[in-house]
């Protein structure tokens, strides 16, 4: 799946910015780590339903995600 499937269709822009900021190899690593942390999967519009529920529960208890 192309990176454009991540970050609500803005994956290529995000990848470009991360590579610019962190370098090619590290930028790609940070890109996928961030996507995983957010619970995104290629082509998804955001975190999965289960991940979203966990994030909301954490916020309700004052925890950072």
C-alpha atoms as a PDB file:
ATOM      1  CA  UNK A   1       0.000   0.000   0.000  1.00  0.00           C
ATOM      2  CA  UNK A   2       1.397   3.418  -0.866  1.00  0.00           C
ATOM      3  CA  UNK A   3       2.054   5.822   1.986  1.00  0.00           C
ATOM      4  CA  UNK A   4      -0.745   8.055   0.694  1.00  0.00           C
ATOM      5  CA  UNK A   5      -3.136   5.584   2.346  1.00  0.00           C
ATOM      6  CA  UNK A   6      -2.047   6.820   5.772  1.00  0.00           C
ATOM      7  CA  UNK A   7      -2.947  10.017   7.643  1.00  0.00           C
ATOM      8  CA  UNK A   8      -6.296  10.510   5.956  1.00  0.00           C
ATOM      9  CA  UNK A   9      -4.758  10.573   2.479  1.00  0.00           C
ATOM     10  CA  UNK A  10      -1.911  12.943   3.383  1.00  0.00           C
ATOM     11  CA  UNK A  11       0.670  10.228   3.978  1.00  0.00           C
ATOM     12  CA  UNK A  12       2.999  11.284   1.188  1.00  0.00           C
ATOM     13  CA  UNK A  13       3.165  14.844   2.555  1.00  0.00           C
ATOM     14  CA  UNK A  14       3.753  13.570   6.085  1.00  0.00           C
ATOM     15  CA  UNK A  15       6.461  11.161   4.878  1.00  0.00           C
ATOM     16  CA  UNK A  16       8.174  13.957   2.944  1.00  0.00           C
ATOM     17  CA  UNK A  17       8.196  16.225   6.005  1.00  0.00           C
ATOM     18  CA  UNK A  18       9.443  13.503   8.333  1.00  0.00           C
ATOM     19  CA  UNK A  19      12.243  12.549   5.937  1.00  0.00           C
ATOM     20  CA  UNK A  20      13.213  16.209   5.670  1.00  0.00           C
ATOM     21  CA  UNK A  21      13.251  16.599   9.452  1.00  0.00           C
ATOM     22  CA  UNK A  22      14.828  13.259  10.460  1.00  0.00           C
ATOM     23  CA  UNK A  23      16.656  12.048   7.338  1.00  0.00           C
ATOM     24  CA  UNK A  24      15.582   9.311   4.935  1.00  0.00           C
ATOM     25  CA  UNK A  25      15.923   6.187   7.052  1.00  0.00           C
ATOM     26  CA  UNK A  26      14.923   7.646  10.430  1.00  0.00           C
ATOM     27  CA  UNK A  27      12.081   9.665   8.863  1.00  0.00           C
ATOM     28  CA  UNK A  28      10.517   6.532   7.426  1.00  0.00           C
ATOM     29  CA  UNK A  29      10.840   4.791  10.785  1.00  0.00           C
ATOM     30  CA  UNK A  30       9.207   7.731  12.591  1.00  0.00           C
ATOM     31  CA  UNK A  31       6.417   7.824   9.980  1.00  0.00           C
ATOM     32  CA  UNK A  32       5.407   4.194  10.540  1.00  0.00           C
ATOM     33  CA  UNK A  33       5.891   4.416  14.314  1.00  0.00           C
ATOM     34  CA  UNK A  34       3.563   7.421  14.421  1.00  0.00           C
ATOM     35  CA  UNK A  35       0.985   5.673  12.242  1.00  0.00           C
ATOM     36  CA  UNK A  36       1.109   2.609  14.495  1.00  0.00           C
ATOM     37  CA  UNK A  37       0.807   4.733  17.647  1.00  0.00           C
ATOM     38  CA  UNK A  38      -2.291   6.391  16.187  1.00  0.00           C
ATOM     39  CA  UNK A  39      -3.720   2.977  15.290  1.00  0.00           C
ATOM     40  CA  UNK A  40      -3.811   3.739  11.603  1.00  0.00           C
ATOM     41  CA  UNK A  41      -3.762   1.087   8.938  1.00  0.00           C
ATOM     42  CA  UNK A  42      -3.182   1.709   5.233  1.00  0.00           C
ATOM     43  CA  UNK A  43      -6.277   3.219   3.696  1.00  0.00           C
ATOM     44  CA  UNK A  44      -7.941   3.898   7.037  1.00  0.00           C
ATOM     45  CA  UNK A  45      -9.415   7.232   7.893  1.00  0.00           C
ATOM     46  CA  UNK A  46      -7.958   7.150  11.378  1.00  0.00           C
ATOM     47  CA  UNK A  47      -7.606   4.893  14.364  1.00  0.00           C
ATOM     48  CA  UNK A  48      -9.570   1.667  14.516  1.00  0.00           C
ATOM     49  CA  UNK A  49     -12.755   1.603  16.543  1.00  0.00           C
ATOM     50  CA  UNK A  50     -11.089  -0.288  19.396  1.00  0.00           C
ATOM     51  CA  UNK A  51      -8.089   2.062  19.468  1.00  0.00           C
ATOM     52  CA  UNK A  52     -10.369   5.090  19.451  1.00  0.00           C
ATOM     53  CA  UNK A  53     -12.320   3.697  22.419  1.00  0.00           C
ATOM     54  CA  UNK A  54      -9.066   3.148  24.353  1.00  0.00           C
ATOM     55  CA  UNK A  55      -7.881   6.684  23.552  1.00  0.00           C
ATOM     56  CA  UNK A  56     -11.168   8.173  24.757  1.00  0.00           C
ATOM     57  CA  UNK A  57     -11.047   6.095  27.942  1.00  0.00           C
ATOM     58  CA  UNK A  58      -7.468   7.265  28.669  1.00  0.00           C
ATOM     59  CA  UNK A  59      -8.431  10.906  28.156  1.00  0.00           C
ATOM     60  CA  UNK A  60     -11.407  10.528  30.481  1.00  0.00           C
ATOM     61  CA  UNK A  61      -9.038   9.362  33.210  1.00  0.00           C
ATOM     62  CA  UNK A  62      -6.539  12.167  32.556  1.00  0.00           C
ATOM     63  CA  UNK A  63      -3.884  10.003  30.909  1.00  0.00           C
ATOM     64  CA  UNK A  64      -1.926  11.113  27.889  1.00  0.00           C
ATOM     65  CA  UNK A  65      -2.032   8.898  24.804  1.00  0.00           C
END
